[in-house]
Structure formats: C-alpha cells, structure tokens
Amino acid sequence: MAAYLIVALTSLLAYLFAVKRLGRRPSDLPGALARIADAVGTGLVFALVNLAAAGGLVLGLRALTGRFVSLYPLDDGVWLVVSMLQGWLWRLWRDSRSSQVAS
C-alpha cells in the first residue's frame, strides 16, 4: 500500500513542478497519457510475440531432438522488461521517422 502512496505523491509533485516551474499546460496531460498507453501497448505486443516465438522454439526443439527442453525460462520477468524496452524503442524510432517526414 505504501508503494501506491509514494507513486501518487511523486506523480503529484511531478505534475505541480511541470505546471508551476516548467510552464506545461494541464490540458496536454491527456495526450501524454494516450502516447504512453500506445507505447505500453506496443511493448505488450512485443512481449506476446517474443514469448510465442520462444515457446515455439522450445516446442520445436523438443519435437526435433526428442529431448526435454524446459519452458520454465519463459517464466522470467526479464522477458517483460526487455520486451517493453524493445517496444518503446521501436515506438521512438517510428515516431522520429514520422517527425522527420513532417518537417
């Protein structure tokens, strides 16, 4: 429960700092939330594709070699972290391309 309170407090402080010190408009916040939701969705798509590909590889190795290959390494949380970073990088790359085309 304390973690949620800390996140809420730091979010409030970041909001106040951005509005008061950096001159950001509160009306820009929904657009930023939409962009982060888009980036998270892209990361989740990469996570699903990565896990499906890894699972297919494991099952393929089992079928080809006749030996047991464990699916347990796919249970590691690092898959999600790396996939989210992969998705966010892809989004930044795609967005930088579209801003270059627009200018």
C-alpha atoms as a PDB file:
ATOM      1  CA  MET A   1       0.000   0.000   0.000  1.00  0.00           C
ATOM      2  CA  ALA A   2       2.866   2.365   0.778  1.00  0.00           C
ATOM      3  CA  ALA A   3       4.246   1.957  -2.735  1.00  0.00           C
ATOM      4  CA  TYR A   4       0.984   3.274  -4.213  1.00  0.00           C
ATOM      5  CA  LEU A   5       1.073   6.271  -1.915  1.00  0.00           C
ATOM      6  CA  ILE A   6       4.670   7.046  -2.856  1.00  0.00           C
ATOM      7  CA  VAL A   7       3.857   6.768  -6.572  1.00  0.00           C
ATOM      8  CA  ALA A   8       0.803   9.007  -6.114  1.00  0.00           C
ATOM      9  CA  LEU A   9       2.855  11.562  -4.175  1.00  0.00           C
ATOM     10  CA  THR A  10       5.707  11.679  -6.683  1.00  0.00           C
ATOM     11  CA  SER A  11       3.197  11.916  -9.539  1.00  0.00           C
ATOM     12  CA  LEU A  12       1.510  14.860  -7.842  1.00  0.00           C
ATOM     13  CA  LEU A  13       4.857  16.544  -7.214  1.00  0.00           C
ATOM     14  CA  ALA A  14       5.941  15.991 -10.829  1.00  0.00           C
ATOM     15  CA  TYR A  15       2.628  17.426 -12.042  1.00  0.00           C
ATOM     16  CA  LEU A  16       2.963  20.512  -9.849  1.00  0.00           C
ATOM     17  CA  PHE A  17       6.592  21.005 -10.876  1.00  0.00           C
ATOM     18  CA  ALA A  18       5.729  20.681 -14.568  1.00  0.00           C
ATOM     19  CA  VAL A  19       2.843  23.144 -14.331  1.00  0.00           C
ATOM     20  CA  LYS A  20       4.414  25.707 -11.988  1.00  0.00           C
ATOM     21  CA  ARG A  21       8.096  25.622 -12.963  1.00  0.00           C
ATOM     22  CA  LEU A  22       8.218  24.284 -16.496  1.00  0.00           C
ATOM     23  CA  GLY A  23       5.092  26.022 -17.747  1.00  0.00           C
ATOM     24  CA  ARG A  24       3.400  22.872 -19.023  1.00  0.00           C
ATOM     25  CA  ARG A  25      -0.330  23.070 -19.676  1.00  0.00           C
ATOM     26  CA  PRO A  26      -2.581  20.653 -17.761  1.00  0.00           C
ATOM     27  CA  SER A  27      -4.619  20.225 -20.955  1.00  0.00           C
ATOM     28  CA  ASP A  28      -1.582  18.485 -22.550  1.00  0.00           C
ATOM     29  CA  LEU A  29      -1.708  15.654 -19.991  1.00  0.00           C
ATOM     30  CA  PRO A  30      -4.407  13.526 -21.714  1.00  0.00           C
ATOM     31  CA  GLY A  31      -2.351  13.494 -24.919  1.00  0.00           C
ATOM     32  CA  ALA A  32       0.707  12.368 -22.965  1.00  0.00           C
ATOM     33  CA  LEU A  33      -1.322   9.612 -21.298  1.00  0.00           C
ATOM     34  CA  ALA A  34      -2.544   8.451 -24.714  1.00  0.00           C
ATOM     35  CA  ARG A  35       1.034   8.316 -26.018  1.00  0.00           C
ATOM     36  CA  ILE A  36       2.246   6.300 -23.021  1.00  0.00           C
ATOM     37  CA  ALA A  37      -0.702   3.911 -23.367  1.00  0.00           C
ATOM     38  CA  ASP A  38       0.253   3.468 -27.009  1.00  0.00           C
ATOM     39  CA  ALA A  39       3.872   2.771 -26.061  1.00  0.00           C
ATOM     40  CA  VAL A  40       2.856   0.269 -23.365  1.00  0.00           C
ATOM     41  CA  GLY A  41       0.578  -1.478 -25.845  1.00  0.00           C
ATOM     42  CA  THR A  42       3.419  -1.727 -28.338  1.00  0.00           C
ATOM     43  CA  GLY A  43       5.643  -3.221 -25.638  1.00  0.00           C
ATOM     44  CA  LEU A  44       2.982  -5.774 -24.761  1.00  0.00           C
ATOM     45  CA  VAL A  45       2.671  -6.793 -28.410  1.00  0.00           C
ATOM     46  CA  PHE A  46       6.434  -7.366 -28.478  1.00  0.00           C
ATOM     47  CA  ALA A  47       6.157  -9.379 -25.242  1.00  0.00           C
ATOM     48  CA  LEU A  48       3.494 -11.643 -26.738  1.00  0.00           C
ATOM     49  CA  VAL A  49       5.451 -12.131 -29.964  1.00  0.00           C
ATOM     50  CA  ASN A  50       8.718 -12.783 -28.104  1.00  0.00           C
ATOM     51  CA  LEU A  51       7.134 -15.334 -25.757  1.00  0.00           C
ATOM     52  CA  ALA A  52       5.278 -17.054 -28.598  1.00  0.00           C
ATOM     53  CA  ALA A  53       8.490 -17.280 -30.637  1.00  0.00           C
ATOM     54  CA  ALA A  54      10.482 -18.595 -27.659  1.00  0.00           C
ATOM     55  CA  GLY A  55       7.756 -21.091 -26.782  1.00  0.00           C
ATOM     56  CA  GLY A  56       7.614 -22.255 -30.381  1.00  0.00           C
ATOM     57  CA  LEU A  57      11.383 -22.667 -30.392  1.00  0.00           C
ATOM     58  CA  VAL A  58      11.284 -24.748 -27.210  1.00  0.00           C
ATOM     59  CA  LEU A  59       8.471 -26.951 -28.503  1.00  0.00           C
ATOM     60  CA  GLY A  60      10.240 -27.288 -31.847  1.00  0.00           C
ATOM     61  CA  LEU A  61      13.452 -28.362 -30.129  1.00  0.00           C
ATOM     62  CA  ARG A  62      11.502 -30.932 -28.136  1.00  0.00           C
ATOM     63  CA  ALA A  63       9.959 -32.330 -31.309  1.00  0.00           C
ATOM     64  CA  LEU A  64      13.192 -32.344 -33.324  1.00  0.00           C
ATOM     65  CA  THR A  65      15.551 -33.701 -30.694  1.00  0.00           C
ATOM     66  CA  GLY A  66      13.216 -35.900 -28.671  1.00  0.00           C
ATOM     67  CA  ARG A  67      14.763 -34.439 -25.528  1.00  0.00           C
ATOM     68  CA  PHE A  68      13.028 -32.481 -22.830  1.00  0.00           C
ATOM     69  CA  VAL A  69      13.574 -28.740 -23.070  1.00  0.00           C
ATOM     70  CA  SER A  70      12.006 -26.759 -20.256  1.00  0.00           C
ATOM     71  CA  LEU A  71       9.536 -23.904 -20.714  1.00  0.00           C
ATOM     72  CA  TYR A  72      10.438 -22.541 -17.259  1.00  0.00           C
ATOM     73  CA  PRO A  73      12.920 -19.919 -18.553  1.00  0.00           C
ATOM     74  CA  LEU A  74       9.949 -18.238 -20.253  1.00  0.00           C
ATOM     75  CA  ASP A  75       8.514 -17.535 -16.779  1.00  0.00           C
ATOM     76  CA  ASP A  76      11.271 -14.991 -16.069  1.00  0.00           C
ATOM     77  CA  GLY A  77      10.124 -11.376 -15.642  1.00  0.00           C
ATOM     78  CA  VAL A  78      13.094 -10.184 -17.669  1.00  0.00           C
ATOM     79  CA  TRP A  79      11.127 -11.141 -20.801  1.00  0.00           C
ATOM     80  CA  LEU A  80       8.543  -8.488 -19.998  1.00  0.00           C
ATOM     81  CA  VAL A  81      11.114  -5.800 -19.169  1.00  0.00           C
ATOM     82  CA  VAL A  82      13.196  -6.409 -22.291  1.00  0.00           C
ATOM     83  CA  SER A  83      10.090  -6.644 -24.479  1.00  0.00           C
ATOM     84  CA  MET A  84       8.739  -3.357 -23.095  1.00  0.00           C
ATOM     85  CA  LEU A  85      12.079  -1.673 -23.809  1.00  0.00           C
ATOM     86  CA  GLN A  86      12.058  -3.203 -27.280  1.00  0.00           C
ATOM     87  CA  GLY A  87       8.552  -1.884 -27.908  1.00  0.00           C
ATOM     88  CA  TRP A  88       9.323   1.578 -26.578  1.00  0.00           C
ATOM     89  CA  LEU A  89      12.478   1.801 -28.677  1.00  0.00           C
ATOM     90  CA  TRP A  90      10.517   0.763 -31.752  1.00  0.00           C
ATOM     91  CA  ARG A  91       7.876   3.445 -30.998  1.00  0.00           C
ATOM     92  CA  LEU A  92      10.528   6.141 -30.545  1.00  0.00           C
ATOM     93  CA  TRP A  93      12.180   5.079 -33.777  1.00  0.00           C
ATOM     94  CA  ARG A  94       8.854   5.089 -35.637  1.00  0.00           C
ATOM     95  CA  ASP A  95       7.845   8.459 -34.168  1.00  0.00           C
ATOM     96  CA  SER A  96      11.211  10.026 -35.055  1.00  0.00           C
ATOM     97  CA  ARG A  97      10.725   8.879 -38.637  1.00  0.00           C
ATOM     98  CA  SER A  98       7.263  10.431 -38.849  1.00  0.00           C
ATOM     99  CA  SER A  99       8.515  13.740 -37.408  1.00  0.00           C
ATOM    100  CA  GLN A 100      11.327  13.817 -39.988  1.00  0.00           C
ATOM    101  CA  VAL A 101       8.828  13.236 -42.799  1.00  0.00           C
ATOM    102  CA  ALA A 102       6.566  16.016 -41.469  1.00  0.00           C
ATOM    103  CA  SER A 103       9.353  18.609 -41.420  1.00  0.00           C
END
